[in-house]
């Protein structure tokens, strides 16, 4: 069953998920695709370039951001594709996401190529300017999800209630995750109780010795995928709206819990 058939029960469209994204939201689709195609390039560079930044290979950070940005753009493209009643708003939001995240990835790649930190780096005028530009483009991320939520609220009668609950909760959790990201940038560090750059968990490199605020930021952002996928499962299994609401509230509590845990300087594991 296609996503469009689930959201709109009487919908006759039979297009696949990626076909619809490419056709309707091509800007987000191809930008996300380029981001994901950069991953093997970064992986090759990580094998050729032995330099490290904060104890890890300089190309690890671009790899993580390329994965995250690719998934985020495709997810947000699907969200925006549901807002056909607001074409101007939808197109403006899409351009914002694509431009802001492209700038982010380009500057992270540039700093990785120089072998220096991309975030929290005010060591020179150039590094401060780069970090400032990244913050300038990402700062609206705290408000944009709330604006999108208001549009979905206006269209509530057109959606399956389980899908609508998952979308609206995930947008608010994204706004909270963005605020957590802002807190990280104001502290100029993601670790709590220990210096940044110590031993970390595999792949994500979250601190094993102290608190790490990135965990709450990461979990919060990926509500965009987790909650709608659960809503699709609820529809398939004929679970009611309450099940989606309970899982959404539980997920929001989880984000708060890992944030508080980090602020008490406690590692996740």
C-alpha atoms as a PDB file:
ATOM      1  CA  UNK A   1       0.000   0.000   0.000  1.00  0.00           C
ATOM      2  CA  UNK A   2       1.346   3.430  -0.955  1.00  0.00           C
ATOM      3  CA  UNK A   3       1.716   6.246   1.583  1.00  0.00           C
ATOM      4  CA  UNK A   4      -0.661   8.453  -0.399  1.00  0.00           C
ATOM      5  CA  UNK A   5      -3.378   5.778  -0.273  1.00  0.00           C
ATOM      6  CA  UNK A   6      -3.085   5.560   3.512  1.00  0.00           C
ATOM      7  CA  UNK A   7      -3.234   9.306   4.106  1.00  0.00           C
ATOM      8  CA  UNK A   8      -6.081   9.817   1.676  1.00  0.00           C
ATOM      9  CA  UNK A   9      -8.241   6.652   1.822  1.00  0.00           C
ATOM     10  CA  UNK A  10     -10.050   7.466  -1.434  1.00  0.00           C
ATOM     11  CA  UNK A  11      -6.896   8.387  -3.301  1.00  0.00           C
ATOM     12  CA  UNK A  12      -6.438   6.472  -6.555  1.00  0.00           C
ATOM     13  CA  UNK A  13      -2.804   7.431  -7.055  1.00  0.00           C
ATOM     14  CA  UNK A  14      -0.477   4.437  -7.182  1.00  0.00           C
ATOM     15  CA  UNK A  15       2.881   6.186  -7.510  1.00  0.00           C
ATOM     16  CA  UNK A  16       5.756   4.987  -5.347  1.00  0.00           C
ATOM     17  CA  UNK A  17       7.229   7.048  -2.531  1.00  0.00           C
ATOM     18  CA  UNK A  18      10.493   8.001  -4.283  1.00  0.00           C
ATOM     19  CA  UNK A  19       8.783   8.503  -7.644  1.00  0.00           C
ATOM     20  CA  UNK A  20       6.387  10.977  -6.020  1.00  0.00           C
ATOM     21  CA  UNK A  21       9.212  12.824  -4.287  1.00  0.00           C
ATOM     22  CA  UNK A  22      11.209  13.112  -7.499  1.00  0.00           C
ATOM     23  CA  UNK A  23       8.167  14.264  -9.446  1.00  0.00           C
ATOM     24  CA  UNK A  24       6.634  16.677  -6.913  1.00  0.00           C
ATOM     25  CA  UNK A  25       9.563  17.865  -4.781  1.00  0.00           C
ATOM     26  CA  UNK A  26      12.486  17.504  -7.138  1.00  0.00           C
ATOM     27  CA  UNK A  27      14.587  20.201  -5.430  1.00  0.00           C
ATOM     28  CA  UNK A  28      14.577  18.337  -2.121  1.00  0.00           C
ATOM     29  CA  UNK A  29      14.843  14.939  -3.809  1.00  0.00           C
ATOM     30  CA  UNK A  30      17.965  15.710  -5.844  1.00  0.00           C
ATOM     31  CA  UNK A  31      19.670  17.726  -3.087  1.00  0.00           C
ATOM     32  CA  UNK A  32      19.100  14.850  -0.686  1.00  0.00           C
ATOM     33  CA  UNK A  33      20.377  12.415  -3.311  1.00  0.00           C
ATOM     34  CA  UNK A  34      23.575  14.439  -3.811  1.00  0.00           C
ATOM     35  CA  UNK A  35      24.086  14.504  -0.043  1.00  0.00           C
ATOM     36  CA  UNK A  36      23.819  10.711   0.163  1.00  0.00           C
ATOM     37  CA  UNK A  37      26.057  10.222  -2.905  1.00  0.00           C
ATOM     38  CA  UNK A  38      28.768  12.221  -1.137  1.00  0.00           C
ATOM     39  CA  UNK A  39      29.034   9.549   1.568  1.00  0.00           C
ATOM     40  CA  UNK A  40      31.271   7.170  -0.453  1.00  0.00           C
ATOM     41  CA  UNK A  41      33.428  10.165  -1.426  1.00  0.00           C
ATOM     42  CA  UNK A  42      33.910  11.087   2.237  1.00  0.00           C
ATOM     43  CA  UNK A  43      34.583   7.441   3.102  1.00  0.00           C
ATOM     44  CA  UNK A  44      37.321   7.303   0.453  1.00  0.00           C
ATOM     45  CA  UNK A  45      38.817  10.542   1.741  1.00  0.00           C
ATOM     46  CA  UNK A  46      38.800   9.163   5.300  1.00  0.00           C
ATOM     47  CA  UNK A  47      40.961   6.290   4.080  1.00  0.00           C
ATOM     48  CA  UNK A  48      43.370   8.540   2.193  1.00  0.00           C
ATOM     49  CA  UNK A  49      43.607  11.350   4.731  1.00  0.00           C
ATOM     50  CA  UNK A  50      44.871  10.350   8.226  1.00  0.00           C
ATOM     51  CA  UNK A  51      44.353  13.772   9.849  1.00  0.00           C
ATOM     52  CA  UNK A  52      42.201  13.905  12.975  1.00  0.00           C
ATOM     53  CA  UNK A  53      40.024  16.596  14.579  1.00  0.00           C
ATOM     54  CA  UNK A  54      39.144  16.179  18.267  1.00  0.00           C
ATOM     55  CA  UNK A  55      40.518  12.650  18.161  1.00  0.00           C
ATOM     56  CA  UNK A  56      38.556  11.330  15.141  1.00  0.00           C
ATOM     57  CA  UNK A  57      39.255  11.352  11.407  1.00  0.00           C
ATOM     58  CA  UNK A  58      38.522  14.753   9.896  1.00  0.00           C
ATOM     59  CA  UNK A  59      36.030  13.250   7.372  1.00  0.00           C
ATOM     60  CA  UNK A  60      33.822  11.443   9.907  1.00  0.00           C
ATOM     61  CA  UNK A  61      31.770  14.531  10.648  1.00  0.00           C
ATOM     62  CA  UNK A  62      30.887  15.216   6.963  1.00  0.00           C
ATOM     63  CA  UNK A  63      29.822  11.560   6.660  1.00  0.00           C
ATOM     64  CA  UNK A  64      27.430  11.849   9.609  1.00  0.00           C
ATOM     65  CA  UNK A  65      25.955  15.121   8.372  1.00  0.00           C
ATOM     66  CA  UNK A  66      25.580  13.843   4.790  1.00  0.00           C
ATOM     67  CA  UNK A  67      23.520  10.891   6.060  1.00  0.00           C
ATOM     68  CA  UNK A  68      21.418  13.085   8.341  1.00  0.00           C
ATOM     69  CA  UNK A  69      20.817  15.820   5.748  1.00  0.00           C
ATOM     70  CA  UNK A  70      19.868  13.357   2.998  1.00  0.00           C
ATOM     71  CA  UNK A  71      17.305  11.609   5.214  1.00  0.00           C
ATOM     72  CA  UNK A  72      16.009  14.916   6.590  1.00  0.00           C
ATOM     73  CA  UNK A  73      15.439  16.456   3.144  1.00  0.00           C
ATOM     74  CA  UNK A  74      13.568  13.438   1.838  1.00  0.00           C
ATOM     75  CA  UNK A  75      11.434  13.254   4.977  1.00  0.00           C
ATOM     76  CA  UNK A  76      10.644  16.956   4.910  1.00  0.00           C
ATOM     77  CA  UNK A  77       9.872  16.731   1.184  1.00  0.00           C
ATOM     78  CA  UNK A  78       7.167  14.190   2.009  1.00  0.00           C
ATOM     79  CA  UNK A  79       5.800  16.455   4.759  1.00  0.00           C
ATOM     80  CA  UNK A  80       5.690  19.458   2.422  1.00  0.00           C
ATOM     81  CA  UNK A  81       4.136  17.406  -0.356  1.00  0.00           C
ATOM     82  CA  UNK A  82       1.039  17.074   1.856  1.00  0.00           C
ATOM     83  CA  UNK A  83       0.629  20.886   1.980  1.00  0.00           C
ATOM     84  CA  UNK A  84      -0.737  21.322  -1.548  1.00  0.00           C
ATOM     85  CA  UNK A  85      -3.307  23.811  -0.282  1.00  0.00           C
ATOM     86  CA  UNK A  86      -0.496  26.244   0.566  1.00  0.00           C
ATOM     87  CA  UNK A  87       1.779  26.183  -2.524  1.00  0.00           C
ATOM     88  CA  UNK A  88       3.623  29.450  -1.801  1.00  0.00           C
ATOM     89  CA  UNK A  89       4.346  28.520   1.813  1.00  0.00           C
ATOM     90  CA  UNK A  90       5.314  24.968   0.819  1.00  0.00           C
ATOM     91  CA  UNK A  91       7.768  26.144  -1.870  1.00  0.00           C
ATOM     92  CA  UNK A  92       9.362  28.740   0.417  1.00  0.00           C
ATOM     93  CA  UNK A  93       9.862  26.181   3.179  1.00  0.00           C
ATOM     94  CA  UNK A  94      11.432  23.735   0.742  1.00  0.00           C
ATOM     95  CA  UNK A  95      13.883  26.363  -0.523  1.00  0.00           C
ATOM     96  CA  UNK A  96      14.794  27.252   3.056  1.00  0.00           C
ATOM     97  CA  UNK A  97      15.538  23.627   4.010  1.00  0.00           C
ATOM     98  CA  UNK A  98      17.573  22.982   0.870  1.00  0.00           C
ATOM     99  CA  UNK A  99      19.619  26.204   1.068  1.00  0.00           C
ATOM    100  CA  UNK A 100      20.234  26.054   4.839  1.00  0.00           C
ATOM    101  CA  UNK A 101      21.322  22.422   4.880  1.00  0.00           C
ATOM    102  CA  UNK A 102      23.403  22.758   1.702  1.00  0.00           C
ATOM    103  CA  UNK A 103      25.290  25.666   3.276  1.00  0.00           C
ATOM    104  CA  UNK A 104      25.760  23.561   6.415  1.00  0.00           C
ATOM    105  CA  UNK A 105      27.216  20.590   4.525  1.00  0.00           C
ATOM    106  CA  UNK A 106      29.411  22.732   2.262  1.00  0.00           C
ATOM    107  CA  UNK A 107      30.964  24.584   5.213  1.00  0.00           C
ATOM    108  CA  UNK A 108      31.433  21.385   7.247  1.00  0.00           C
ATOM    109  CA  UNK A 109      33.182  19.840   4.244  1.00  0.00           C
ATOM    110  CA  UNK A 110      35.320  22.952   3.800  1.00  0.00           C
ATOM    111  CA  UNK A 111      36.435  22.887   7.433  1.00  0.00           C
ATOM    112  CA  UNK A 112      37.076  19.138   7.294  1.00  0.00           C
ATOM    113  CA  UNK A 113      39.287  19.739   4.262  1.00  0.00           C
ATOM    114  CA  UNK A 114      41.231  22.326   6.293  1.00  0.00           C
ATOM    115  CA  UNK A 115      41.508  19.828   9.157  1.00  0.00           C
ATOM    116  CA  UNK A 116      39.837  22.102  11.727  1.00  0.00           C
ATOM    117  CA  UNK A 117      36.626  22.064  13.771  1.00  0.00           C
ATOM    118  CA  UNK A 118      33.506  23.271  11.976  1.00  0.00           C
ATOM    119  CA  UNK A 119      31.478  23.906  15.131  1.00  0.00           C
ATOM    120  CA  UNK A 120      32.423  25.926  18.258  1.00  0.00           C
ATOM    121  CA  UNK A 121      35.496  27.169  16.427  1.00  0.00           C
ATOM    122  CA  UNK A 122      36.209  30.834  17.082  1.00  0.00           C
ATOM    123  CA  UNK A 123      39.984  30.461  16.982  1.00  0.00           C
ATOM    124  CA  UNK A 124      40.391  32.824  13.989  1.00  0.00           C
ATOM    125  CA  UNK A 125      38.255  35.419  12.215  1.00  0.00           C
ATOM    126  CA  UNK A 126      37.659  33.011   9.310  1.00  0.00           C
ATOM    127  CA  UNK A 127      36.565  30.185  11.619  1.00  0.00           C
ATOM    128  CA  UNK A 128      34.275  32.539  13.553  1.00  0.00           C
ATOM    129  CA  UNK A 129      32.674  33.795  10.330  1.00  0.00           C
ATOM    130  CA  UNK A 130      32.090  30.237   9.092  1.00  0.00           C
ATOM    131  CA  UNK A 131      30.554  29.150  12.403  1.00  0.00           C
ATOM    132  CA  UNK A 132      28.432  32.308  12.441  1.00  0.00           C
ATOM    133  CA  UNK A 133      27.106  31.673   8.910  1.00  0.00           C
ATOM    134  CA  UNK A 134      26.152  28.120   9.847  1.00  0.00           C
ATOM    135  CA  UNK A 135      24.250  29.396  12.881  1.00  0.00           C
ATOM    136  CA  UNK A 136      22.526  32.083  10.825  1.00  0.00           C
ATOM    137  CA  UNK A 137      21.065  29.556   8.398  1.00  0.00           C
ATOM    138  CA  UNK A 138      20.107  26.965  11.038  1.00  0.00           C
ATOM    139  CA  UNK A 139      18.595  29.366  13.598  1.00  0.00           C
ATOM    140  CA  UNK A 140      15.133  29.550  11.821  1.00  0.00           C
ATOM    141  CA  UNK A 141      14.817  25.781  12.309  1.00  0.00           C
ATOM    142  CA  UNK A 142      13.387  26.544  15.775  1.00  0.00           C
ATOM    143  CA  UNK A 143      10.404  28.376  14.232  1.00  0.00           C
ATOM    144  CA  UNK A 144       9.790  26.747  10.838  1.00  0.00           C
ATOM    145  CA  UNK A 145       8.383  23.440  12.246  1.00  0.00           C
ATOM    146  CA  UNK A 146       5.817  25.402  14.282  1.00  0.00           C
ATOM    147  CA  UNK A 147       4.726  27.313  11.172  1.00  0.00           C
ATOM    148  CA  UNK A 148       4.319  24.000   9.351  1.00  0.00           C
ATOM    149  CA  UNK A 149       2.285  22.610  12.250  1.00  0.00           C
ATOM    150  CA  UNK A 150      -0.181  25.497  11.918  1.00  0.00           C
ATOM    151  CA  UNK A 151      -0.751  24.591   8.257  1.00  0.00           C
ATOM    152  CA  UNK A 152      -1.336  20.927   9.077  1.00  0.00           C
ATOM    153  CA  UNK A 153      -3.800  21.966  11.777  1.00  0.00           C
ATOM    154  CA  UNK A 154      -5.816  23.872   9.159  1.00  0.00           C
ATOM    155  CA  UNK A 155      -5.899  20.742   6.972  1.00  0.00           C
ATOM    156  CA  UNK A 156      -6.802  18.352   9.792  1.00  0.00           C
ATOM    157  CA  UNK A 157     -10.067  17.187   8.199  1.00  0.00           C
ATOM    158  CA  UNK A 158      -8.182  15.893   5.127  1.00  0.00           C
ATOM    159  CA  UNK A 159      -5.852  13.487   6.945  1.00  0.00           C
ATOM    160  CA  UNK A 160      -6.168  10.205   8.702  1.00  0.00           C
ATOM    161  CA  UNK A 161      -6.035  11.292  12.384  1.00  0.00           C
ATOM    162  CA  UNK A 162      -3.209   8.855  13.144  1.00  0.00           C
ATOM    163  CA  UNK A 163      -1.014  10.384  10.446  1.00  0.00           C
ATOM    164  CA  UNK A 164      -1.912  13.905  11.527  1.00  0.00           C
ATOM    165  CA  UNK A 165      -1.036  13.216  15.186  1.00  0.00           C
ATOM    166  CA  UNK A 166       2.339  11.765  14.219  1.00  0.00           C
ATOM    167  CA  UNK A 167       3.180  14.683  11.908  1.00  0.00           C
ATOM    168  CA  UNK A 168       2.186  17.400  14.375  1.00  0.00           C
ATOM    169  CA  UNK A 169       4.007  15.764  17.324  1.00  0.00           C
ATOM    170  CA  UNK A 170       7.159  15.200  15.256  1.00  0.00           C
ATOM    171  CA  UNK A 171       7.209  18.840  14.109  1.00  0.00           C
ATOM    172  CA  UNK A 172       6.987  20.112  17.678  1.00  0.00           C
ATOM    173  CA  UNK A 173       9.655  17.660  18.821  1.00  0.00           C
ATOM    174  CA  UNK A 174      11.837  18.895  15.926  1.00  0.00           C
ATOM    175  CA  UNK A 175      11.389  22.461  17.207  1.00  0.00           C
ATOM    176  CA  UNK A 176      12.469  21.316  20.691  1.00  0.00           C
ATOM    177  CA  UNK A 177      15.453  19.452  19.216  1.00  0.00           C
ATOM    178  CA  UNK A 178      16.425  22.655  17.403  1.00  0.00           C
ATOM    179  CA  UNK A 179      16.302  24.579  20.686  1.00  0.00           C
ATOM    180  CA  UNK A 180      18.556  21.910  22.198  1.00  0.00           C
ATOM    181  CA  UNK A 181      20.908  22.465  19.267  1.00  0.00           C
ATOM    182  CA  UNK A 182      20.862  26.183  20.049  1.00  0.00           C
ATOM    183  CA  UNK A 183      21.792  25.395  23.679  1.00  0.00           C
ATOM    184  CA  UNK A 184      24.733  23.343  22.420  1.00  0.00           C
ATOM    185  CA  UNK A 185      25.927  26.224  20.239  1.00  0.00           C
ATOM    186  CA  UNK A 186      25.655  28.692  23.134  1.00  0.00           C
ATOM    187  CA  UNK A 187      27.741  26.414  25.374  1.00  0.00           C
ATOM    188  CA  UNK A 188      30.309  25.954  22.572  1.00  0.00           C
ATOM    189  CA  UNK A 189      30.412  22.292  23.589  1.00  0.00           C
ATOM    190  CA  UNK A 190      28.187  19.228  23.436  1.00  0.00           C
ATOM    191  CA  UNK A 191      29.760  17.329  26.327  1.00  0.00           C
ATOM    192  CA  UNK A 192      28.748  18.008  29.940  1.00  0.00           C
ATOM    193  CA  UNK A 193      31.094  17.374  32.850  1.00  0.00           C
ATOM    194  CA  UNK A 194      33.949  16.320  30.566  1.00  0.00           C
ATOM    195  CA  UNK A 195      35.822  18.013  27.711  1.00  0.00           C
ATOM    196  CA  UNK A 196      34.610  17.473  24.135  1.00  0.00           C
ATOM    197  CA  UNK A 197      36.561  14.905  22.159  1.00  0.00           C
ATOM    198  CA  UNK A 198      36.988  12.079  24.675  1.00  0.00           C
ATOM    199  CA  UNK A 199      36.140   8.383  24.176  1.00  0.00           C
ATOM    200  CA  UNK A 200      32.813   7.926  22.430  1.00  0.00           C
ATOM    201  CA  UNK A 201      30.318   5.288  21.308  1.00  0.00           C
ATOM    202  CA  UNK A 202      30.957   3.699  17.881  1.00  0.00           C
ATOM    203  CA  UNK A 203      29.694   5.623  14.834  1.00  0.00           C
ATOM    204  CA  UNK A 204      27.935   8.428  16.733  1.00  0.00           C
ATOM    205  CA  UNK A 205      30.899   9.188  19.029  1.00  0.00           C
ATOM    206  CA  UNK A 206      28.648  10.207  21.929  1.00  0.00           C
ATOM    207  CA  UNK A 207      30.686  10.614  25.107  1.00  0.00           C
ATOM    208  CA  UNK A 208      31.269   7.481  27.194  1.00  0.00           C
ATOM    209  CA  UNK A 209      32.638   9.416  30.155  1.00  0.00           C
ATOM    210  CA  UNK A 210      30.125  12.233  30.659  1.00  0.00           C
ATOM    211  CA  UNK A 211      26.884  13.768  29.464  1.00  0.00           C
ATOM    212  CA  UNK A 212      26.371  14.455  25.752  1.00  0.00           C
ATOM    213  CA  UNK A 213      23.590  16.816  24.661  1.00  0.00           C
ATOM    214  CA  UNK A 214      23.838  15.615  21.039  1.00  0.00           C
ATOM    215  CA  UNK A 215      21.832  12.519  22.015  1.00  0.00           C
ATOM    216  CA  UNK A 216      18.670  14.548  22.754  1.00  0.00           C
ATOM    217  CA  UNK A 217      19.252  16.590  19.577  1.00  0.00           C
ATOM    218  CA  UNK A 218      19.610  13.404  17.499  1.00  0.00           C
ATOM    219  CA  UNK A 219      16.623  11.588  19.034  1.00  0.00           C
ATOM    220  CA  UNK A 220      14.458  14.700  18.678  1.00  0.00           C
ATOM    221  CA  UNK A 221      15.227  15.233  14.996  1.00  0.00           C
ATOM    222  CA  UNK A 222      14.467  11.632  14.099  1.00  0.00           C
ATOM    223  CA  UNK A 223      10.952  11.894  15.511  1.00  0.00           C
ATOM    224  CA  UNK A 224      10.246  13.003  11.924  1.00  0.00           C
ATOM    225  CA  UNK A 225      10.771   9.426  10.746  1.00  0.00           C
ATOM    226  CA  UNK A 226       9.864   7.350  13.824  1.00  0.00           C
ATOM    227  CA  UNK A 227       6.412   8.762  14.574  1.00  0.00           C
ATOM    228  CA  UNK A 228       4.970   8.749  11.003  1.00  0.00           C
ATOM    229  CA  UNK A 229       6.308   5.220  10.486  1.00  0.00           C
ATOM    230  CA  UNK A 230       4.550   4.138  13.669  1.00  0.00           C
ATOM    231  CA  UNK A 231       1.373   5.827  12.417  1.00  0.00           C
ATOM    232  CA  UNK A 232       1.571   3.814   9.173  1.00  0.00           C
ATOM    233  CA  UNK A 233       2.012   0.655  11.274  1.00  0.00           C
ATOM    234  CA  UNK A 234      -0.988   1.639  13.410  1.00  0.00           C
ATOM    235  CA  UNK A 235      -3.114   2.029  10.270  1.00  0.00           C
ATOM    236  CA  UNK A 236      -1.952  -1.291   8.878  1.00  0.00           C
ATOM    237  CA  UNK A 237      -2.718  -3.036  12.181  1.00  0.00           C
ATOM    238  CA  UNK A 238      -6.012  -1.129  12.662  1.00  0.00           C
ATOM    239  CA  UNK A 239      -4.811   0.408  15.935  1.00  0.00           C
ATOM    240  CA  UNK A 240      -6.691   3.511  17.027  1.00  0.00           C
ATOM    241  CA  UNK A 241      -5.474   7.114  17.319  1.00  0.00           C
ATOM    242  CA  UNK A 242      -4.793   6.723  21.034  1.00  0.00           C
ATOM    243  CA  UNK A 243      -1.917   4.329  20.289  1.00  0.00           C
ATOM    244  CA  UNK A 244      -0.195   6.969  18.139  1.00  0.00           C
ATOM    245  CA  UNK A 245      -0.822   9.659  20.734  1.00  0.00           C
ATOM    246  CA  UNK A 246       0.675   7.500  23.535  1.00  0.00           C
ATOM    247  CA  UNK A 247       3.778   6.651  21.488  1.00  0.00           C
ATOM    248  CA  UNK A 248       4.206  10.318  20.490  1.00  0.00           C
ATOM    249  CA  UNK A 249       3.971  11.510  24.104  1.00  0.00           C
ATOM    250  CA  UNK A 250       6.346   8.741  25.167  1.00  0.00           C
ATOM    251  CA  UNK A 251       8.817   9.780  22.467  1.00  0.00           C
ATOM    252  CA  UNK A 252       8.703  13.420  23.620  1.00  0.00           C
ATOM    253  CA  UNK A 253       9.364  12.265  27.197  1.00  0.00           C
ATOM    254  CA  UNK A 254      12.311  10.216  25.924  1.00  0.00           C
ATOM    255  CA  UNK A 255      13.853  13.328  24.335  1.00  0.00           C
ATOM    256  CA  UNK A 256      13.439  15.207  27.626  1.00  0.00           C
ATOM    257  CA  UNK A 257      14.880  12.291  29.620  1.00  0.00           C
ATOM    258  CA  UNK A 258      18.075  11.934  27.576  1.00  0.00           C
ATOM    259  CA  UNK A 259      18.523  15.724  27.693  1.00  0.00           C
ATOM    260  CA  UNK A 260      18.198  15.839  31.512  1.00  0.00           C
ATOM    261  CA  UNK A 261      20.461  12.787  31.794  1.00  0.00           C
ATOM    262  CA  UNK A 262      23.142  14.571  29.758  1.00  0.00           C
ATOM    263  CA  UNK A 263      22.836  17.776  31.791  1.00  0.00           C
ATOM    264  CA  UNK A 264      23.566  15.709  34.927  1.00  0.00           C
ATOM    265  CA  UNK A 265      26.854  14.720  33.237  1.00  0.00           C
ATOM    266  CA  UNK A 266      25.754  11.110  32.849  1.00  0.00           C
ATOM    267  CA  UNK A 267      26.737   9.113  29.733  1.00  0.00           C
ATOM    268  CA  UNK A 268      24.002   7.242  27.868  1.00  0.00           C
ATOM    269  CA  UNK A 269      25.790   3.921  28.447  1.00  0.00           C
END
